[in-house]
Amino acid sequence: MVVAGTLAEAFLVSVRCAWDALAMGLAVAACGKNGQAPDDSMRALLNWAKKNQRRVHTRLMPILESDAGWFWSVRTFRDDLIHHGSHAFIFWNGEEFLLSLLARFDGSPNMEPLLPLMASISEHLLAFAHSASEAVQDIIPLPPERRRSMVLHSPFVPYLNSLRKYWASPPATRE
């Protein structure tokens, strides 16, 4: 179970990094003037967008306001692991694996089913990426052969896709 805990921690940290990678792409289309929107982290971009709503492209603002809710959840998990001394422990209850983030100074673990949690985090990340790529493609003129290419539109990662079977209600994507 120690290895599973380490892998769960790596997943949460990696997904948080993926959100930051998305922010780099979104910052290019976030406003009319290049270089004004922060491109170093999703946290910085979301906070900037909230404070500068008039400067954010109208196509991106709804995505940055509503679709990023799961970012804050993943950020909390990652911050607990990296900055607050928590550790991921995996338990087996006879039916499913449970994730518990045990804080260094708090003895009351909160347990969540691991695979549905990972699946929902992945689904929300991919749904956000899909909506964001649609918006960016509407804002930035692209050659027809690049529109909706796998590079710009809903990245397909086989292992993330296989997690889908663990989460019953994936988020709807905007068309």
N, C-alpha and C. Protein backbone atom coordinates (compact mmCIF):
# COMPACT_ATOMS: atom_id res chain seq x y z
N MET A 1 0.82 -1.19 0.00
CA MET A 1 0.00 0.00 0.00
C MET A 1 0.87 1.27 0.00
N VAL A 2 2.12 1.15 0.43
CA VAL A 2 3.02 2.30 0.42
C VAL A 2 3.26 2.76 -1.02
N VAL A 3 3.45 1.81 -1.93
CA VAL A 3 3.67 2.16 -3.33
C VAL A 3 2.42 2.82 -3.91
N ALA A 4 1.24 2.31 -3.60
CA ALA A 4 0.01 2.92 -4.08
C ALA A 4 -0.14 4.34 -3.54
N GLY A 5 0.22 4.57 -2.30
CA GLY A 5 0.17 5.92 -1.73
C GLY A 5 1.11 6.86 -2.45
N THR A 6 2.30 6.38 -2.77
CA THR A 6 3.27 7.19 -3.50
C THR A 6 2.76 7.51 -4.89
N LEU A 7 2.15 6.53 -5.55
CA LEU A 7 1.60 6.76 -6.88
C LEU A 7 0.42 7.73 -6.83
N ALA A 8 -0.40 7.63 -5.80
CA ALA A 8 -1.52 8.57 -5.65
C ALA A 8 -0.99 10.00 -5.45
N GLU A 9 0.04 10.14 -4.64
CA GLU A 9 0.66 11.46 -4.46
C GLU A 9 1.19 11.99 -5.78
N ALA A 10 1.88 11.13 -6.54
CA ALA A 10 2.44 11.54 -7.83
C ALA A 10 1.33 11.96 -8.80
N PHE A 11 0.22 11.23 -8.79
CA PHE A 11 -0.91 11.58 -9.64
C PHE A 11 -1.43 12.98 -9.30
N LEU A 12 -1.64 13.25 -8.01
CA LEU A 12 -2.19 14.55 -7.60
C LEU A 12 -1.24 15.69 -7.94
N VAL A 13 0.04 15.48 -7.75
CA VAL A 13 1.02 16.52 -8.07
C VAL A 13 1.10 16.72 -9.58
N SER A 14 1.07 15.63 -10.35
CA SER A 14 1.15 15.72 -11.81
C SER A 14 -0.07 16.42 -12.40
N VAL A 15 -1.24 16.12 -11.87
CA VAL A 15 -2.46 16.77 -12.37
C VAL A 15 -2.40 18.26 -12.07
N ARG A 16 -1.90 18.62 -10.93
CA ARG A 16 -1.75 20.05 -10.60
C ARG A 16 -0.81 20.71 -11.60
N CYS A 17 0.25 20.04 -11.99
CA CYS A 17 1.17 20.57 -13.00
C CYS A 17 0.48 20.70 -14.36
N ALA A 18 -0.41 19.76 -14.67
CA ALA A 18 -1.14 19.82 -15.93
C ALA A 18 -2.03 21.07 -15.98
N TRP A 19 -2.65 21.42 -14.86
CA TRP A 19 -3.45 22.65 -14.80
C TRP A 19 -2.57 23.86 -15.12
N ASP A 20 -1.34 23.87 -14.58
CA ASP A 20 -0.45 24.99 -14.85
C ASP A 20 -0.04 25.04 -16.32
N ALA A 21 0.14 23.88 -16.93
CA ALA A 21 0.46 23.84 -18.36
C ALA A 21 -0.69 24.41 -19.18
N LEU A 22 -1.92 24.10 -18.79
CA LEU A 22 -3.08 24.68 -19.47
C LEU A 22 -3.10 26.20 -19.33
N ALA A 23 -2.72 26.69 -18.17
CA ALA A 23 -2.70 28.14 -17.95
C ALA A 23 -1.75 28.84 -18.92
N MET A 24 -0.64 28.20 -19.23
CA MET A 24 0.31 28.81 -20.17
C MET A 24 -0.34 29.04 -21.53
N GLY A 25 -1.11 28.06 -22.00
CA GLY A 25 -1.80 28.22 -23.27
C GLY A 25 -2.93 29.22 -23.21
N LEU A 26 -3.67 29.21 -22.12
CA LEU A 26 -4.80 30.13 -21.98
C LEU A 26 -4.36 31.58 -21.87
N ALA A 27 -3.22 31.81 -21.26
CA ALA A 27 -2.74 33.18 -21.07
C ALA A 27 -2.52 33.88 -22.40
N VAL A 28 -2.18 33.12 -23.43
CA VAL A 28 -1.95 33.70 -24.76
C VAL A 28 -3.23 34.32 -25.31
N ALA A 29 -4.37 33.70 -25.02
CA ALA A 29 -5.64 34.16 -25.57
C ALA A 29 -6.49 34.92 -24.55
N ALA A 30 -6.02 35.07 -23.34
CA ALA A 30 -6.84 35.62 -22.26
C ALA A 30 -7.25 37.06 -22.47
N CYS A 31 -6.39 37.86 -23.07
CA CYS A 31 -6.75 39.26 -23.28
C CYS A 31 -6.14 39.76 -24.58
N GLY A 32 -6.53 40.97 -24.97
CA GLY A 32 -6.10 41.52 -26.24
C GLY A 32 -4.61 41.79 -26.35
N LYS A 33 -3.99 42.18 -25.26
CA LYS A 33 -2.57 42.49 -25.29
C LYS A 33 -1.77 41.30 -24.77
N ASN A 34 -0.81 40.89 -25.56
CA ASN A 34 0.03 39.76 -25.20
C ASN A 34 0.90 40.09 -23.98
N GLY A 35 1.04 39.14 -23.08
CA GLY A 35 1.90 39.29 -21.92
C GLY A 35 1.24 39.91 -20.69
N GLN A 36 -0.03 40.29 -20.78
CA GLN A 36 -0.68 40.88 -19.62
C GLN A 36 -1.23 39.84 -18.65
N ALA A 37 -1.71 38.75 -19.16
CA ALA A 37 -2.25 37.69 -18.30
C ALA A 37 -1.10 36.82 -17.80
N PRO A 38 -1.11 36.46 -16.53
CA PRO A 38 -0.03 35.61 -16.01
C PRO A 38 -0.08 34.23 -16.66
N ASP A 39 1.10 33.71 -16.98
CA ASP A 39 1.16 32.40 -17.61
C ASP A 39 1.97 31.38 -16.81
N ASP A 40 2.25 31.70 -15.55
CA ASP A 40 3.09 30.81 -14.76
C ASP A 40 2.31 29.79 -13.94
N SER A 41 1.02 30.04 -13.68
CA SER A 41 0.22 29.06 -12.92
C SER A 41 -1.26 29.31 -13.15
N MET A 42 -2.05 28.26 -13.00
CA MET A 42 -3.50 28.40 -13.12
C MET A 42 -4.04 29.26 -11.99
N ARG A 43 -3.48 29.12 -10.79
CA ARG A 43 -3.91 29.94 -9.66
C ARG A 43 -3.77 31.42 -10.00
N ALA A 44 -2.61 31.81 -10.52
CA ALA A 44 -2.37 33.21 -10.86
C ALA A 44 -3.31 33.67 -11.97
N LEU A 45 -3.54 32.83 -12.97
CA LEU A 45 -4.42 33.20 -14.07
C LEU A 45 -5.86 33.36 -13.59
N LEU A 46 -6.35 32.43 -12.78
CA LEU A 46 -7.73 32.51 -12.28
C LEU A 46 -7.92 33.74 -11.39
N ASN A 47 -6.96 33.99 -10.53
CA ASN A 47 -7.05 35.18 -9.66
C ASN A 47 -6.98 36.46 -10.47
N TRP A 48 -6.11 36.51 -11.48
CA TRP A 48 -6.00 37.68 -12.35
C TRP A 48 -7.32 37.89 -13.09
N ALA A 49 -7.90 36.82 -13.63
CA ALA A 49 -9.16 36.92 -14.38
C ALA A 49 -10.29 37.43 -13.49
N LYS A 50 -10.31 36.99 -12.26
CA LYS A 50 -11.36 37.43 -11.33
C LYS A 50 -11.24 38.93 -11.05
N LYS A 51 -10.01 39.44 -10.94
CA LYS A 51 -9.79 40.85 -10.65
C LYS A 51 -9.88 41.73 -11.90
N ASN A 52 -9.71 41.14 -13.07
CA ASN A 52 -9.64 41.90 -14.32
C ASN A 52 -10.66 41.41 -15.33
N GLN A 53 -11.88 41.21 -14.91
CA GLN A 53 -12.91 40.62 -15.76
C GLN A 53 -13.11 41.39 -17.06
N ARG A 54 -12.98 42.69 -17.04
CA ARG A 54 -13.17 43.49 -18.25
C ARG A 54 -12.07 43.25 -19.28
N ARG A 55 -10.91 42.84 -18.84
CA ARG A 55 -9.78 42.63 -19.74
C ARG A 55 -9.75 41.21 -20.31
N VAL A 56 -10.48 40.29 -19.69
CA VAL A 56 -10.47 38.89 -20.14
C VAL A 56 -11.38 38.76 -21.36
N HIS A 57 -10.91 38.02 -22.34
CA HIS A 57 -11.71 37.78 -23.54
C HIS A 57 -13.06 37.18 -23.14
N THR A 58 -14.13 37.70 -23.74
CA THR A 58 -15.48 37.27 -23.35
C THR A 58 -15.71 35.78 -23.58
N ARG A 59 -15.01 35.18 -24.51
CA ARG A 59 -15.16 33.74 -24.78
C ARG A 59 -14.52 32.90 -23.67
N LEU A 60 -13.48 33.43 -23.04
CA LEU A 60 -12.77 32.67 -22.00
C LEU A 60 -13.31 32.88 -20.60
N MET A 61 -13.92 34.03 -20.34
CA MET A 61 -14.34 34.34 -18.97
C MET A 61 -15.27 33.29 -18.37
N PRO A 62 -16.29 32.81 -19.09
CA PRO A 62 -17.16 31.79 -18.48
C PRO A 62 -16.41 30.50 -18.12
N ILE A 63 -15.42 30.17 -18.90
CA ILE A 63 -14.63 28.96 -18.63
C ILE A 63 -13.78 29.17 -17.38
N LEU A 64 -13.14 30.32 -17.30
CA LEU A 64 -12.28 30.60 -16.15
C LEU A 64 -13.09 30.77 -14.87
N GLU A 65 -14.34 31.20 -15.00
CA GLU A 65 -15.18 31.38 -13.81
C GLU A 65 -15.76 30.07 -13.31
N SER A 66 -16.26 29.24 -14.21
CA SER A 66 -17.04 28.09 -13.75
C SER A 66 -16.35 26.75 -13.89
N ASP A 67 -15.60 26.55 -14.95
CA ASP A 67 -15.06 25.23 -15.22
C ASP A 67 -13.84 24.86 -14.37
N ALA A 68 -13.28 25.81 -13.67
CA ALA A 68 -12.03 25.56 -12.96
C ALA A 68 -12.23 25.17 -11.50
N GLY A 69 -13.44 24.87 -11.10
CA GLY A 69 -13.69 24.51 -9.70
C GLY A 69 -12.86 23.34 -9.22
N TRP A 70 -12.65 22.36 -10.09
CA TRP A 70 -11.86 21.20 -9.68
C TRP A 70 -10.39 21.53 -9.52
N PHE A 71 -9.93 22.58 -10.19
CA PHE A 71 -8.54 23.01 -9.99
C PHE A 71 -8.28 23.30 -8.52
N TRP A 72 -9.22 24.02 -7.89
CA TRP A 72 -9.02 24.40 -6.48
C TRP A 72 -9.00 23.16 -5.60
N SER A 73 -9.79 22.15 -5.92
CA SER A 73 -9.76 20.90 -5.14
C SER A 73 -8.42 20.19 -5.27
N VAL A 74 -7.95 20.09 -6.50
CA VAL A 74 -6.66 19.43 -6.73
C VAL A 74 -5.54 20.23 -6.08
N ARG A 75 -5.65 21.54 -6.16
CA ARG A 75 -4.63 22.40 -5.55
C ARG A 75 -4.57 22.17 -4.04
N THR A 76 -5.74 22.01 -3.42
CA THR A 76 -5.77 21.76 -1.98
C THR A 76 -5.09 20.44 -1.65
N PHE A 77 -5.41 19.39 -2.40
CA PHE A 77 -4.75 18.10 -2.20
C PHE A 77 -3.23 18.26 -2.33
N ARG A 78 -2.82 18.87 -3.44
CA ARG A 78 -1.38 19.01 -3.71
C ARG A 78 -0.69 19.85 -2.64
N ASP A 79 -1.33 20.95 -2.23
CA ASP A 79 -0.73 21.79 -1.20
C ASP A 79 -0.62 21.06 0.13
N ASP A 80 -1.64 20.25 0.46
CA ASP A 80 -1.55 19.45 1.68
C ASP A 80 -0.36 18.51 1.63
N LEU A 81 -0.13 17.92 0.47
CA LEU A 81 0.99 16.98 0.32
C LEU A 81 2.34 17.68 0.32
N ILE A 82 2.45 18.73 -0.47
CA ILE A 82 3.75 19.37 -0.68
C ILE A 82 4.10 20.38 0.41
N HIS A 83 3.13 21.17 0.84
CA HIS A 83 3.43 22.28 1.74
C HIS A 83 3.03 22.05 3.20
N HIS A 84 2.11 21.13 3.44
CA HIS A 84 1.58 20.98 4.80
C HIS A 84 1.96 19.67 5.47
N GLY A 85 2.82 18.91 4.85
CA GLY A 85 3.33 17.70 5.49
C GLY A 85 2.40 16.51 5.51
N SER A 86 1.34 16.52 4.72
CA SER A 86 0.45 15.37 4.67
C SER A 86 1.08 14.25 3.85
N HIS A 87 0.55 13.06 4.02
CA HIS A 87 1.00 11.89 3.25
C HIS A 87 -0.22 11.13 2.79
N ALA A 88 -0.14 10.57 1.60
CA ALA A 88 -1.24 9.76 1.08
C ALA A 88 -1.08 8.33 1.58
N PHE A 89 -2.12 7.85 2.21
CA PHE A 89 -2.15 6.46 2.64
C PHE A 89 -3.32 5.79 1.93
N ILE A 90 -3.09 4.56 1.51
CA ILE A 90 -4.12 3.81 0.82
C ILE A 90 -4.56 2.67 1.72
N PHE A 91 -5.86 2.55 1.88
CA PHE A 91 -6.44 1.47 2.67
C PHE A 91 -7.34 0.63 1.78
N TRP A 92 -7.48 -0.62 2.12
CA TRP A 92 -8.38 -1.53 1.41
C TRP A 92 -9.47 -1.95 2.39
N ASN A 93 -10.73 -1.70 2.04
CA ASN A 93 -11.82 -2.04 2.94
C ASN A 93 -12.51 -3.35 2.55
N GLY A 94 -11.89 -4.09 1.66
CA GLY A 94 -12.47 -5.34 1.18
C GLY A 94 -13.23 -5.18 -0.11
N GLU A 95 -13.55 -3.94 -0.47
CA GLU A 95 -14.28 -3.67 -1.70
C GLU A 95 -13.58 -2.68 -2.62
N GLU A 96 -12.92 -1.69 -2.03
CA GLU A 96 -12.28 -0.65 -2.83
C GLU A 96 -11.10 -0.06 -2.07
N PHE A 97 -10.24 0.61 -2.84
CA PHE A 97 -9.12 1.33 -2.24
C PHE A 97 -9.62 2.69 -1.77
N LEU A 98 -9.17 3.09 -0.60
CA LEU A 98 -9.55 4.38 -0.04
C LEU A 98 -8.29 5.22 0.13
N LEU A 99 -8.39 6.48 -0.24
CA LEU A 99 -7.29 7.43 -0.08
C LEU A 99 -7.52 8.24 1.18
N SER A 100 -6.49 8.34 1.97
CA SER A 100 -6.54 9.19 3.14
C SER A 100 -5.30 10.07 3.13
N LEU A 101 -5.52 11.37 3.22
CA LEU A 101 -4.41 12.29 3.37
C LEU A 101 -4.25 12.53 4.86
N LEU A 102 -3.22 11.96 5.42
CA LEU A 102 -2.97 12.12 6.85
C LEU A 102 -2.05 13.30 7.07
N ALA A 103 -2.57 14.30 7.74
CA ALA A 103 -1.78 15.48 8.05
C ALA A 103 -0.79 15.17 9.14
N ARG A 104 0.30 15.87 9.12
CA ARG A 104 1.36 15.63 10.07
C ARG A 104 0.90 15.88 11.51
N PHE A 105 0.03 16.86 11.71
CA PHE A 105 -0.38 17.21 13.07
C PHE A 105 -1.85 16.92 13.36
N ASP A 106 -2.53 16.26 12.46
CA ASP A 106 -3.95 15.99 12.62
C ASP A 106 -4.17 14.48 12.55
N GLY A 107 -4.72 13.90 13.57
CA GLY A 107 -4.90 12.46 13.61
C GLY A 107 -6.23 11.98 13.08
N SER A 108 -7.03 12.85 12.46
CA SER A 108 -8.35 12.42 11.98
C SER A 108 -8.36 12.33 10.46
N PRO A 109 -8.14 11.12 9.93
CA PRO A 109 -8.08 10.97 8.47
C PRO A 109 -9.46 11.07 7.83
N ASN A 110 -9.47 11.62 6.64
CA ASN A 110 -10.67 11.66 5.81
C ASN A 110 -10.43 10.70 4.66
N MET A 111 -11.28 9.70 4.49
CA MET A 111 -11.06 8.69 3.47
C MET A 111 -12.02 8.88 2.31
N GLU A 112 -11.46 8.77 1.09
CA GLU A 112 -12.26 8.85 -0.12
C GLU A 112 -11.90 7.67 -1.01
N PRO A 113 -12.88 7.11 -1.72
CA PRO A 113 -12.56 6.05 -2.67
C PRO A 113 -11.56 6.56 -3.71
N LEU A 114 -10.45 5.89 -3.85
CA LEU A 114 -9.33 6.37 -4.67
C LEU A 114 -9.64 6.42 -6.16
N LEU A 115 -10.08 5.33 -6.74
CA LEU A 115 -10.25 5.31 -8.19
C LEU A 115 -11.35 6.25 -8.67
N PRO A 116 -12.51 6.33 -8.00
CA PRO A 116 -13.48 7.35 -8.44
C PRO A 116 -12.96 8.78 -8.30
N LEU A 117 -12.17 9.04 -7.25
CA LEU A 117 -11.58 10.36 -7.09
C LEU A 117 -10.64 10.68 -8.24
N MET A 118 -9.76 9.74 -8.57
CA MET A 118 -8.82 9.94 -9.68
C MET A 118 -9.57 10.11 -11.00
N ALA A 119 -10.62 9.32 -11.18
CA ALA A 119 -11.40 9.41 -12.41
C ALA A 119 -12.09 10.76 -12.52
N SER A 120 -12.68 11.24 -11.43
CA SER A 120 -13.38 12.51 -11.50
C SER A 120 -12.41 13.67 -11.71
N ILE A 121 -11.26 13.61 -11.07
CA ILE A 121 -10.25 14.65 -11.28
C ILE A 121 -9.82 14.66 -12.74
N SER A 122 -9.57 13.48 -13.30
CA SER A 122 -9.15 13.38 -14.70
C SER A 122 -10.23 13.88 -15.64
N GLU A 123 -11.47 13.48 -15.40
CA GLU A 123 -12.58 13.92 -16.25
C GLU A 123 -12.73 15.43 -16.23
N HIS A 124 -12.64 16.03 -15.05
CA HIS A 124 -12.79 17.48 -14.97
C HIS A 124 -11.62 18.21 -15.63
N LEU A 125 -10.43 17.67 -15.49
CA LEU A 125 -9.28 18.27 -16.17
C LEU A 125 -9.47 18.21 -17.68
N LEU A 126 -9.88 17.05 -18.19
CA LEU A 126 -10.07 16.90 -19.63
C LEU A 126 -11.25 17.74 -20.13
N ALA A 127 -12.31 17.85 -19.34
CA ALA A 127 -13.44 18.69 -19.74
C ALA A 127 -13.02 20.16 -19.79
N PHE A 128 -12.25 20.59 -18.80
CA PHE A 128 -11.75 21.96 -18.80
C PHE A 128 -10.85 22.19 -20.01
N ALA A 129 -9.94 21.24 -20.28
CA ALA A 129 -9.03 21.36 -21.42
C ALA A 129 -9.82 21.43 -22.73
N HIS A 130 -10.88 20.63 -22.83
CA HIS A 130 -11.71 20.64 -24.02
C HIS A 130 -12.37 22.02 -24.21
N SER A 131 -13.03 22.51 -23.17
CA SER A 131 -13.69 23.82 -23.25
C SER A 131 -12.68 24.93 -23.54
N ALA A 132 -11.55 24.85 -22.87
CA ALA A 132 -10.52 25.88 -23.06
C ALA A 132 -9.97 25.84 -24.48
N SER A 133 -9.73 24.65 -25.02
CA SER A 133 -9.18 24.56 -26.37
C SER A 133 -10.19 25.06 -27.40
N GLU A 134 -11.48 24.80 -27.18
CA GLU A 134 -12.52 25.34 -28.07
C GLU A 134 -12.48 26.85 -28.05
N ALA A 135 -12.38 27.44 -26.87
CA ALA A 135 -12.36 28.90 -26.76
C ALA A 135 -11.11 29.49 -27.41
N VAL A 136 -9.96 28.90 -27.15
CA VAL A 136 -8.71 29.41 -27.72
C VAL A 136 -8.77 29.34 -29.25
N GLN A 137 -9.34 28.26 -29.78
CA GLN A 137 -9.45 28.13 -31.24
C GLN A 137 -10.41 29.14 -31.84
N ASP A 138 -11.38 29.61 -31.06
CA ASP A 138 -12.27 30.67 -31.53
C ASP A 138 -11.60 32.04 -31.47
N ILE A 139 -10.67 32.22 -30.56
CA ILE A 139 -10.02 33.51 -30.35
C ILE A 139 -8.83 33.70 -31.28
N ILE A 140 -8.00 32.68 -31.38
CA ILE A 140 -6.76 32.77 -32.16
C ILE A 140 -6.97 32.09 -33.50
N PRO A 141 -6.77 32.81 -34.59
CA PRO A 141 -6.93 32.18 -35.90
C PRO A 141 -5.87 31.09 -36.11
N LEU A 142 -6.35 29.94 -36.46
CA LEU A 142 -5.45 28.81 -36.71
C LEU A 142 -5.68 28.28 -38.12
N PRO A 143 -4.64 27.72 -38.72
CA PRO A 143 -4.84 27.09 -40.02
C PRO A 143 -5.85 25.94 -39.89
N PRO A 144 -6.66 25.71 -40.90
CA PRO A 144 -7.70 24.67 -40.81
C PRO A 144 -7.17 23.29 -40.40
N GLU A 145 -5.98 22.95 -40.84
CA GLU A 145 -5.44 21.62 -40.50
C GLU A 145 -5.06 21.50 -39.01
N ARG A 146 -4.91 22.61 -38.31
CA ARG A 146 -4.57 22.56 -36.89
C ARG A 146 -5.80 22.60 -35.99
N ARG A 147 -6.93 23.09 -36.52
CA ARG A 147 -8.14 23.17 -35.70
C ARG A 147 -8.58 21.77 -35.32
N ARG A 148 -8.89 21.61 -34.06
CA ARG A 148 -9.35 20.36 -33.49
C ARG A 148 -8.37 19.21 -33.68
N SER A 149 -7.11 19.55 -33.81
CA SER A 149 -6.10 18.50 -33.86
C SER A 149 -5.91 17.96 -32.45
N MET A 150 -5.31 16.82 -32.31
CA MET A 150 -5.11 16.23 -30.98
C MET A 150 -4.20 17.11 -30.13
N VAL A 151 -3.41 17.95 -30.76
CA VAL A 151 -2.55 18.84 -29.99
C VAL A 151 -3.37 19.92 -29.31
N LEU A 152 -4.43 20.39 -29.95
CA LEU A 152 -5.19 21.52 -29.43
C LEU A 152 -6.55 21.16 -28.89
N HIS A 153 -7.00 19.94 -29.06
CA HIS A 153 -8.38 19.63 -28.75
C HIS A 153 -8.48 18.32 -27.97
N SER A 154 -8.94 18.40 -26.73
CA SER A 154 -9.20 17.23 -25.90
C SER A 154 -8.09 16.17 -25.97
N PRO A 155 -7.01 16.38 -25.28
CA PRO A 155 -5.92 15.40 -25.34
C PRO A 155 -6.40 14.03 -24.88
N PHE A 156 -5.99 13.02 -25.61
CA PHE A 156 -6.35 11.64 -25.28
C PHE A 156 -5.14 10.96 -24.67
N VAL A 157 -5.27 10.58 -23.44
CA VAL A 157 -4.22 9.85 -22.75
C VAL A 157 -4.82 8.51 -22.34
N PRO A 158 -4.33 7.40 -22.89
CA PRO A 158 -4.98 6.11 -22.67
C PRO A 158 -5.24 5.76 -21.21
N TYR A 159 -4.30 5.98 -20.33
CA TYR A 159 -4.50 5.59 -18.93
C TYR A 159 -5.53 6.47 -18.24
N LEU A 160 -5.56 7.75 -18.59
CA LEU A 160 -6.60 8.60 -18.03
C LEU A 160 -7.97 8.19 -18.57
N ASN A 161 -8.00 7.83 -19.84
CA ASN A 161 -9.25 7.39 -20.44
C ASN A 161 -9.76 6.12 -19.76
N SER A 162 -8.86 5.23 -19.37
CA SER A 162 -9.28 3.98 -18.73
C SER A 162 -9.87 4.23 -17.33
N LEU A 163 -9.55 5.37 -16.72
CA LEU A 163 -10.14 5.71 -15.43
C LEU A 163 -11.63 6.02 -15.53
N ARG A 164 -12.08 6.34 -16.73
CA ARG A 164 -13.48 6.74 -16.92
C ARG A 164 -14.47 5.71 -16.39
N LYS A 165 -14.12 4.44 -16.46
CA LYS A 165 -15.08 3.41 -16.02
C LYS A 165 -15.34 3.47 -14.52
N TYR A 166 -14.52 4.18 -13.77
CA TYR A 166 -14.70 4.27 -12.32
C TYR A 166 -15.57 5.45 -11.91
N TRP A 167 -15.89 6.33 -12.84
CA TRP A 167 -16.70 7.49 -12.50
C TRP A 167 -17.92 7.51 -13.38
N ALA A 168 -19.08 7.45 -12.76
CA ALA A 168 -20.33 7.22 -13.49
C ALA A 168 -20.83 8.43 -14.26
N SER A 169 -20.52 9.65 -13.83
CA SER A 169 -21.12 10.82 -14.48
C SER A 169 -20.07 11.84 -14.87
N PRO A 170 -19.40 11.65 -16.01
CA PRO A 170 -18.41 12.63 -16.45
C PRO A 170 -19.08 13.97 -16.77
N PRO A 171 -18.34 15.07 -16.61
CA PRO A 171 -18.91 16.39 -16.89
C PRO A 171 -19.19 16.54 -18.38
N ALA A 172 -20.20 17.31 -18.70
CA ALA A 172 -20.53 17.59 -20.09
C ALA A 172 -19.52 18.59 -20.65
N THR A 173 -19.18 18.43 -21.91
CA THR A 173 -18.29 19.39 -22.55
C THR A 173 -19.13 20.35 -23.36
N ARG A 174 -18.64 21.58 -23.46
CA ARG A 174 -19.34 22.61 -24.23
C ARG A 174 -18.97 22.48 -25.69
N GLU A 175 -19.92 22.62 -26.52
CA GLU A 175 -19.65 22.59 -27.97
C GLU A 175 -19.80 23.96 -28.54
